[in-house]
C-alpha atoms as a PDB file:
ATOM      1  CA  MET A   1      75.364  54.700  99.263  1.00  0.00           C
ATOM      2  CA  SER A   2      71.800  56.271  99.714  1.00  0.00           C
ATOM      3  CA  SER A   3      70.395  57.707  96.401  1.00  0.00           C
ATOM      4  CA  ARG A   4      70.287  60.608  97.730  1.00  0.00           C
ATOM      5  CA  GLN A   5      73.969  60.609  98.605  1.00  0.00           C
ATOM      6  CA  LYS A   6      74.167  59.583  95.487  1.00  0.00           C
ATOM      7  CA  GLU A   7      72.674  62.368  93.842  1.00  0.00           C
ATOM      8  CA  LYS A   8      74.566  64.986  95.692  1.00  0.00           C
ATOM      9  CA  GLU A   9      77.784  63.632  94.447  1.00  0.00           C
ATOM     10  CA  GLN A  10      76.585  63.336  90.663  1.00  0.00           C
ATOM     11  CA  ARG A  11      76.125  67.280  90.992  1.00  0.00           C
ATOM     12  CA  ARG A  12      79.093  68.276  92.631  1.00  0.00           C
ATOM     13  CA  ARG A  13      80.544  66.123  90.062  1.00  0.00           C
ATOM     14  CA  GLU A  14      78.877  68.221  87.164  1.00  0.00           C
ATOM     15  CA  ARG A  15      79.125  71.328  88.959  1.00  0.00           C
ATOM     16  CA  LEU A  16      83.540  70.339  89.191  1.00  0.00           C
ATOM     17  CA  ALA A  17      83.245  69.165  85.120  1.00  0.00           C
ATOM     18  CA  LYS A  18      81.615  72.822  84.495  1.00  0.00           C
ATOM     19  CA  GLU A  19      84.021  74.668  86.728  1.00  0.00           C
ATOM     20  CA  GLU A  20      87.146  72.888  85.116  1.00  0.00           C
ATOM     21  CA  ALA A  21      85.434  72.980  81.367  1.00  0.00           C
ATOM     22  CA  ALA A  22      85.381  77.571  82.411  1.00  0.00           C
ATOM     23  CA  ARG A  23      88.762  77.396  83.366  1.00  0.00           C
ATOM     24  CA  ARG A  24      90.420  75.687  79.934  1.00  0.00           C
ATOM     25  CA  ALA A  25      88.035  77.957  78.132  1.00  0.00           C
ATOM     26  CA  GLN A  26      89.748  80.977  79.955  1.00  0.00           C
ATOM     27  CA  ALA A  27      93.116  79.388  79.684  1.00  0.00           C
ATOM     28  CA  ARG A  28      92.457  78.898  75.637  1.00  0.00           C
ATOM     29  CA  ARG A  29      91.578  82.771  76.000  1.00  0.00           C
ATOM     30  CA  LYS A  30      94.967  83.588  77.823  1.00  0.00           C
ATOM     31  CA  ARG A  31      96.993  82.381  75.485  1.00  0.00           C
ATOM     32  CA  LEU A  32      95.532  83.372  72.639  1.00  0.00           C
ATOM     33  CA  MET A  33      95.857  86.721  74.261  1.00  0.00           C
ATOM     34  CA  ILE A  34      99.694  86.068  74.663  1.00  0.00           C
ATOM     35  CA  ALA A  35      99.930  85.005  71.111  1.00  0.00           C
ATOM     36  CA  GLY A  36      98.754  88.389  69.489  1.00  0.00           C
ATOM     37  CA  ALA A  37     100.515  90.411  72.034  1.00  0.00           C
ATOM     38  CA  GLY A  38     104.091  88.371  71.768  1.00  0.00           C
ATOM     39  CA  GLY A  39     105.181  90.342  68.615  1.00  0.00           C
ATOM     40  CA  ALA A  40     104.234  93.732  70.326  1.00  0.00           C
ATOM     41  CA  ALA A  41     106.191  92.377  73.598  1.00  0.00           C
ATOM     42  CA  ALA A  42     109.290  90.886  71.383  1.00  0.00           C
ATOM     43  CA  VAL A  43     109.399  94.656  69.924  1.00  0.00           C
ATOM     44  CA  ALA A  44     109.004  96.555  73.158  1.00  0.00           C
ATOM     45  CA  ALA A  45     111.991  93.788  74.635  1.00  0.00           C
ATOM     46  CA  ALA A  46     114.446  95.203  72.147  1.00  0.00           C
ATOM     47  CA  VAL A  47     113.886  98.592  72.136  1.00  0.00           C
ATOM     48  CA  VAL A  48     114.093  98.147  76.175  1.00  0.00           C
ATOM     49  CA  ILE A  49     117.701  95.962  75.512  1.00  0.00           C
ATOM     50  CA  ALA A  50     119.011  98.271  73.380  1.00  0.00           C
ATOM     51  CA  VAL A  51     118.997 101.435  75.550  1.00  0.00           C
ATOM     52  CA  ALA A  52     119.915  99.562  78.588  1.00  0.00           C
ATOM     53  CA  SER A  53     122.735 100.242  79.423  1.00  0.00           C
ATOM     54  CA  GLY A  54     123.844  96.989  82.185  1.00  0.00           C
ATOM     55  CA  GLY A  55     122.155  98.150  85.350  1.00  0.00           C
ATOM     56  CA  ASP A  56     119.181  96.885  87.177  1.00  0.00           C
ATOM     57  CA  ASP A  57     116.308  98.290  88.672  1.00  0.00           C
ATOM     58  CA  GLY A  58     117.152  96.409  91.608  1.00  0.00           C
ATOM     59  CA  GLY A  59     121.110  98.497  92.269  1.00  0.00           C
ATOM     60  CA  GLY A  60     122.390  95.210  91.404  1.00  0.00           C
ATOM     61  CA  SER A  61     125.357  95.141  88.614  1.00  0.00           C
ATOM     62  CA  GLY A  62     122.877  94.294  85.663  1.00  0.00           C
ATOM     63  CA  GLY A  63     124.551  91.749  83.144  1.00  0.00           C
ATOM     64  CA  GLY A  64     122.005  89.873  80.649  1.00  0.00           C
ATOM     65  CA  ALA A  65     118.229  88.300  81.354  1.00  0.00           C
ATOM     66  CA  SER A  66     119.343  85.343  81.946  1.00  0.00           C
ATOM     67  CA  ALA A  67     121.264  86.613  85.106  1.00  0.00           C
ATOM     68  CA  ASP A  68     118.609  88.969  86.279  1.00  0.00           C
ATOM     69  CA  ALA A  69     116.333  86.175  86.714  1.00  0.00           C
ATOM     70  CA  ALA A  70     118.593  83.764  88.908  1.00  0.00           C
ATOM     71  CA  ILE A  71     117.504  83.465  92.275  1.00  0.00           C
ATOM     72  CA  PRO A  72     119.934  81.115  95.006  1.00  0.00           C
ATOM     73  CA  ALA A  73     119.415  77.545  95.562  1.00  0.00           C
ATOM     74  CA  ARG A  74     117.443  76.312  97.987  1.00  0.00           C
ATOM     75  CA  SER A  75     119.234  76.636 101.941  1.00  0.00           C
ATOM     76  CA  GLU A  76     116.235  75.818 104.175  1.00  0.00           C
ATOM     77  CA  GLN A  77     113.784  73.448 103.925  1.00  0.00           C
ATOM     78  CA  ASP A  78     111.486  74.115 106.705  1.00  0.00           C
ATOM     79  CA  LEU A  79     108.862  77.150 105.874  1.00  0.00           C
ATOM     80  CA  ALA A  80     108.750  78.460 109.532  1.00  0.00           C
ATOM     81  CA  ALA A  81     112.298  78.806 109.652  1.00  0.00           C
ATOM     82  CA  ALA A  82     112.280  80.316 105.869  1.00  0.00           C
ATOM     83  CA  ALA A  83     109.471  82.720 106.434  1.00  0.00           C
ATOM     84  CA  ARG A  84     111.840  84.079 110.010  1.00  0.00           C
ATOM     85  CA  ALA A  85     114.940  83.935 108.047  1.00  0.00           C
ATOM     86  CA  ALA A  86     113.137  86.422 105.554  1.00  0.00           C
ATOM     87  CA  GLY A  87     111.128  88.244 107.816  1.00  0.00           C
ATOM     88  CA  CYS A  88     107.971  87.111 106.763  1.00  0.00           C
ATOM     89  CA  GLU A  89     104.823  86.573 108.409  1.00  0.00           C
ATOM     90  CA  VAL A  90     102.834  82.942 108.182  1.00  0.00           C
ATOM     91  CA  LYS A  91      99.405  82.631 108.966  1.00  0.00           C
ATOM     92  CA  GLN A  92      96.041  80.472 109.072  1.00  0.00           C
ATOM     93  CA  HIS A  93      92.768  81.885 108.491  1.00  0.00           C
ATOM     94  CA  ARG A  94      89.248  81.371 109.678  1.00  0.00           C
ATOM     95  CA  ASP A  95      87.482  80.246 106.304  1.00  0.00           C
ATOM     96  CA  GLU A  96      85.510  83.005 105.217  1.00  0.00           C
ATOM     97  CA  GLY A  97      83.179  80.591 103.656  1.00  0.00           C
ATOM     98  CA  SER A  98      82.728  79.646  99.802  1.00  0.00           C
ATOM     99  CA  SER A  99      80.062  80.336  98.152  1.00  0.00           C
ATOM    100  CA  HIS A 100      79.539  81.417  94.361  1.00  0.00           C
ATOM    101  CA  THR A 101      78.760  85.052  93.978  1.00  0.00           C
ATOM    102  CA  GLU A 102      78.795  87.753  91.067  1.00  0.00           C
ATOM    103  CA  GLU A 103      79.128  90.130  93.094  1.00  0.00           C
ATOM    104  CA  ALA A 104      82.180  92.161  94.358  1.00  0.00           C
ATOM    105  CA  VAL A 105      83.062  90.968  98.355  1.00  0.00           C
ATOM    106  CA  ARG A 106      84.751  92.427 100.934  1.00  0.00           C
ATOM    107  CA  TYR A 107      87.629  89.615 101.860  1.00  0.00           C
ATOM    108  CA  GLY A 108      88.279  89.549 105.650  1.00  0.00           C
ATOM    109  CA  THR A 109      92.014  89.395 104.406  1.00  0.00           C
ATOM    110  CA  ASN A 110      94.702  91.357 101.843  1.00  0.00           C
ATOM    111  CA  PRO A 111      95.653  89.487 100.368  1.00  0.00           C
ATOM    112  CA  PRO A 112      92.255  87.101 100.843  1.00  0.00           C
ATOM    113  CA  THR A 113      92.652  83.096 101.440  1.00  0.00           C
ATOM    114  CA  SER A 114      89.140  82.641 101.134  1.00  0.00           C
ATOM    115  CA  GLY A 115      85.250  83.418 101.135  1.00  0.00           C
ATOM    116  CA  ALA A 116      82.528  83.649  98.287  1.00  0.00           C
ATOM    117  CA  HIS A 117      83.933  83.616  94.643  1.00  0.00           C
ATOM    118  CA  ALA A 118      83.410  83.958  90.739  1.00  0.00           C
ATOM    119  CA  PRO A 119      81.390  80.859  89.669  1.00  0.00           C
ATOM    120  CA  SER A 120      84.951  79.844  87.723  1.00  0.00           C
ATOM    121  CA  ALA A 121      88.223  79.870  88.598  1.00  0.00           C
ATOM    122  CA  ALA A 122      90.921  81.622  87.713  1.00  0.00           C
ATOM    123  CA  ALA A 123      93.558  79.093  85.341  1.00  0.00           C
ATOM    124  CA  ASP A 124      96.873  79.014  86.356  1.00  0.00           C
ATOM    125  CA  GLY A 125      99.712  80.802  84.836  1.00  0.00           C
ATOM    126  CA  ILE A 126     101.817  83.817  84.841  1.00  0.00           C
ATOM    127  CA  TYR A 127     100.048  87.283  83.938  1.00  0.00           C
ATOM    128  CA  ALA A 128     101.426  90.000  82.679  1.00  0.00           C
ATOM    129  CA  ALA A 129     101.675  93.227  85.244  1.00  0.00           C
ATOM    130  CA  GLY A 130      98.377  95.147  85.229  1.00  0.00           C
ATOM    131  CA  ASN A 131      96.552  91.889  83.878  1.00  0.00           C
ATOM    132  CA  PRO A 132      95.888  89.788  87.061  1.00  0.00           C
ATOM    133  CA  PRO A 133      93.548  87.301  87.057  1.00  0.00           C
ATOM    134  CA  GLU A 134      89.295  88.634  88.248  1.00  0.00           C
ATOM    135  CA  LEU A 135      89.857  88.793  92.100  1.00  0.00           C
ATOM    136  CA  GLY A 136      86.711  86.445  92.671  1.00  0.00           C
ATOM    137  CA  GLN A 137      88.548  84.051  90.046  1.00  0.00           C
ATOM    138  CA  SER A 138      91.504  83.918  92.266  1.00  0.00           C
ATOM    139  CA  VAL A 139      89.863  82.766  94.993  1.00  0.00           C
ATOM    140  CA  HIS A 140      87.728  80.555  93.299  1.00  0.00           C
ATOM    141  CA  ALA A 141      91.008  79.146  92.555  1.00  0.00           C
ATOM    142  CA  LEU A 142      92.511  78.685  95.887  1.00  0.00           C
ATOM    143  CA  GLU A 143      89.561  76.857  97.030  1.00  0.00           C
ATOM    144  CA  HIS A 144      90.707  74.090  93.956  1.00  0.00           C
ATOM    145  CA  GLY A 145      94.161  74.147  95.511  1.00  0.00           C
ATOM    146  CA  ARG A 146      96.346  76.824  94.070  1.00  0.00           C
ATOM    147  CA  VAL A 147      98.968  79.094  95.513  1.00  0.00           C
ATOM    148  CA  ASN A 148      98.684  82.340  94.768  1.00  0.00           C
ATOM    149  CA  ILE A 149     102.099  84.610  94.973  1.00  0.00           C
ATOM    150  CA  GLN A 150     101.282  88.179  94.030  1.00  0.00           C
ATOM    151  CA  TYR A 151     103.548  91.096  94.465  1.00  0.00           C
ATOM    152  CA  ARG A 152     102.990  94.903  94.505  1.00  0.00           C
ATOM    153  CA  PRO A 153     102.357  97.336  91.529  1.00  0.00           C
ATOM    154  CA  GLY A 154     105.889  99.306  91.496  1.00  0.00           C
ATOM    155  CA  THR A 155     107.773  95.485  91.856  1.00  0.00           C
ATOM    156  CA  PRO A 156     111.531  96.162  89.506  1.00  0.00           C
ATOM    157  CA  ALA A 157     111.605  94.149  86.956  1.00  0.00           C
ATOM    158  CA  ARG A 158     114.545  92.502  88.056  1.00  0.00           C
ATOM    159  CA  ARG A 159     112.655  91.193  91.205  1.00  0.00           C
ATOM    160  CA  VAL A 160     109.326  90.001  88.726  1.00  0.00           C
ATOM    161  CA  ALA A 161     111.744  88.395  86.546  1.00  0.00           C
ATOM    162  CA  GLN A 162     113.499  86.466  89.528  1.00  0.00           C
ATOM    163  CA  LEU A 163     109.229  85.464  90.458  1.00  0.00           C
ATOM    164  CA  GLU A 164     108.894  83.815  87.272  1.00  0.00           C
ATOM    165  CA  THR A 165     111.639  81.748  87.900  1.00  0.00           C
ATOM    166  CA  LEU A 166     110.872  81.013  91.265  1.00  0.00           C
ATOM    167  CA  TYR A 167     107.003  79.924  89.198  1.00  0.00           C
ATOM    168  CA  ASN A 168     109.022  77.577  87.372  1.00  0.00           C
ATOM    169  CA  GLU A 169     110.761  75.427  89.602  1.00  0.00           C
ATOM    170  CA  GLU A 170     109.526  72.054  89.670  1.00  0.00           C
ATOM    171  CA  VAL A 171     106.887  71.249  92.019  1.00  0.00           C
ATOM    172  CA  LYS A 172     105.488  67.525  91.972  1.00  0.00           C
ATOM    173  CA  GLY A 173     107.498  66.525  89.047  1.00  0.00           C
ATOM    174  CA  GLN A 174     106.125  70.032  86.895  1.00  0.00           C
ATOM    175  CA  SER A 175     107.200  73.459  86.088  1.00  0.00           C
ATOM    176  CA  GLY A 176     104.199  76.089  87.180  1.00  0.00           C
ATOM    177  CA  TYR A 177     102.411  73.328  89.508  1.00  0.00           C
ATOM    178  CA  HIS A 178      99.010  74.279  90.494  1.00  0.00           C
ATOM    179  CA  THR A 179     100.012  78.106  90.899  1.00  0.00           C
ATOM    180  CA  LEU A 180      99.267  81.582  89.570  1.00  0.00           C
ATOM    181  CA  LEU A 181     101.885  84.914  89.560  1.00  0.00           C
ATOM    182  CA  PHE A 182     100.041  88.256  89.470  1.00  0.00           C
ATOM    183  CA  GLU A 183     100.371  91.303  90.329  1.00  0.00           C
ATOM    184  CA  ASN A 184      97.634  92.509  93.215  1.00  0.00           C
ATOM    185  CA  GLN A 185      95.547  95.262  92.638  1.00  0.00           C
ATOM    186  CA  THR A 186      94.046  95.604  96.238  1.00  0.00           C
ATOM    187  CA  ASP A 187      96.315  97.806  98.187  1.00  0.00           C
ATOM    188  CA  MET A 188      97.847  94.985  99.882  1.00  0.00           C
ATOM    189  CA  GLN A 189     100.488  96.091 102.650  1.00  0.00           C
ATOM    190  CA  ALA A 190     103.412  93.027 101.466  1.00  0.00           C
ATOM    191  CA  ALA A 191     106.311  93.821  99.112  1.00  0.00           C
ATOM    192  CA  VAL A 192     105.014  90.140  97.585  1.00  0.00           C
ATOM    193  CA  ALA A 193     102.853  87.314  99.179  1.00  0.00           C
ATOM    194  CA  ALA A 194     101.683  83.831  98.948  1.00  0.00           C
ATOM    195  CA  THR A 195      98.251  82.687  99.728  1.00  0.00           C
ATOM    196  CA  ALA A 196      96.695  78.899  99.630  1.00  0.00           C
ATOM    197  CA  TRP A 197      93.183  77.908 101.055  1.00  0.00           C
ATOM    198  CA  THR A 198      93.211  79.939 104.650  1.00  0.00           C
ATOM    199  CA  GLN A 199      96.940  80.321 104.966  1.00  0.00           C
ATOM    200  CA  SER A 200      99.289  83.061 103.964  1.00  0.00           C
ATOM    201  CA  LEU A 201     102.705  83.990 103.695  1.00  0.00           C
ATOM    202  CA  THR A 202     103.408  87.760 104.014  1.00  0.00           C
ATOM    203  CA  CYS A 203     106.220  89.070 103.303  1.00  0.00           C
ATOM    204  CA  ARG A 204     107.291  93.173 103.956  1.00  0.00           C
ATOM    205  CA  THR A 205     110.415  93.154 101.518  1.00  0.00           C
ATOM    206  CA  LEU A 206     111.484  90.898  98.848  1.00  0.00           C
ATOM    207  CA  ASN A 207     115.218  89.931  99.692  1.00  0.00           C
ATOM    208  CA  ASP A 208     117.761  86.577  98.741  1.00  0.00           C
ATOM    209  CA  ARG A 209     115.936  84.671 101.767  1.00  0.00           C
ATOM    210  CA  THR A 210     112.409  85.448 100.433  1.00  0.00           C
ATOM    211  CA  TRP A 211     112.504  82.954  97.945  1.00  0.00           C
ATOM    212  CA  ASP A 212     112.887  79.622 100.215  1.00  0.00           C
ATOM    213  CA  ALA A 213     109.895  81.283 102.316  1.00  0.00           C
ATOM    214  CA  LEU A 214     107.824  81.197  98.545  1.00  0.00           C
ATOM    215  CA  ARG A 215     108.851  77.202  97.470  1.00  0.00           C
ATOM    216  CA  ALA A 216     108.329  76.088 101.326  1.00  0.00           C
ATOM    217  CA  PHE A 217     104.892  77.496 101.714  1.00  0.00           C
ATOM    218  CA  ARG A 218     103.792  76.548  97.881  1.00  0.00           C
ATOM    219  CA  GLU A 219     104.902  72.794  98.749  1.00  0.00           C
ATOM    220  CA  ASP A 220     103.271  72.516 101.769  1.00  0.00           C
ATOM    221  CA  PHE A 221      99.699  74.449 100.835  1.00  0.00           C
ATOM    222  CA  VAL A 222      99.954  73.344  97.251  1.00  0.00           C
ATOM    223  CA  ASP A 223      97.004  71.061  96.426  1.00  0.00           C
ATOM    224  CA  LYS A 224      95.300  71.793  99.912  1.00  0.00           C
ATOM    225  CA  GLY A 225      92.305  73.481  98.871  1.00  0.00           C
ATOM    226  CA  PRO A 226      88.293  71.920  99.320  1.00  0.00           C
ATOM    227  CA  GLU A 227      88.334  71.020  96.873  1.00  0.00           C
ATOM    228  CA  PHE A 228      90.834  69.110  94.193  1.00  0.00           C
ATOM    229  CA  VAL A 229      91.222  69.976  90.966  1.00  0.00           C
ATOM    230  CA  PRO A 230      93.427  68.231  88.697  1.00  0.00           C
END
């Protein structure tokens, strides 16, 4: 390797190290925010449980948080077949670039699958409704091989709980592996979508067949970004 190539590789490694340090700092801040909000959330949850009569906002018969959050076992492994069964669409998009910017970016797809983005990447995890990661940071996460799963505002709480169940399923032996789950705030048309770098799965409705499509998409495209960051 020439000295120029070595210098270029060293700069790349230093940039990735800085990005990873920023991501870890953001993750720490998020954990502190969650811890601080925990007491209030527990009180709110108790109030909701106390006033609920067993019904759920998805029209089911209700019956406890764990039952409401359950999702069907997997029956389809293939992404294309699972997407067809769920009424979802899988697309590969052109690469819109990967430069860093602090400015707002108009992306060619909604939700975005590539393009200029914030210098730091959003941390893996489940984000509270109404508090998604900054858009440019979520795109940067895609560059690092992450999968973003997003749902529309107004999604019933039971469905959000089920999405969290899906999030926590193991991929590559780890729960929630290299995935972000959050509420979309860019007026996307899909009820739920999953994105990876230049790839998307968009579903008009969230039904019991959607879970296999989301599972297959995550398995097919996680860690497939142009920059792998553990």
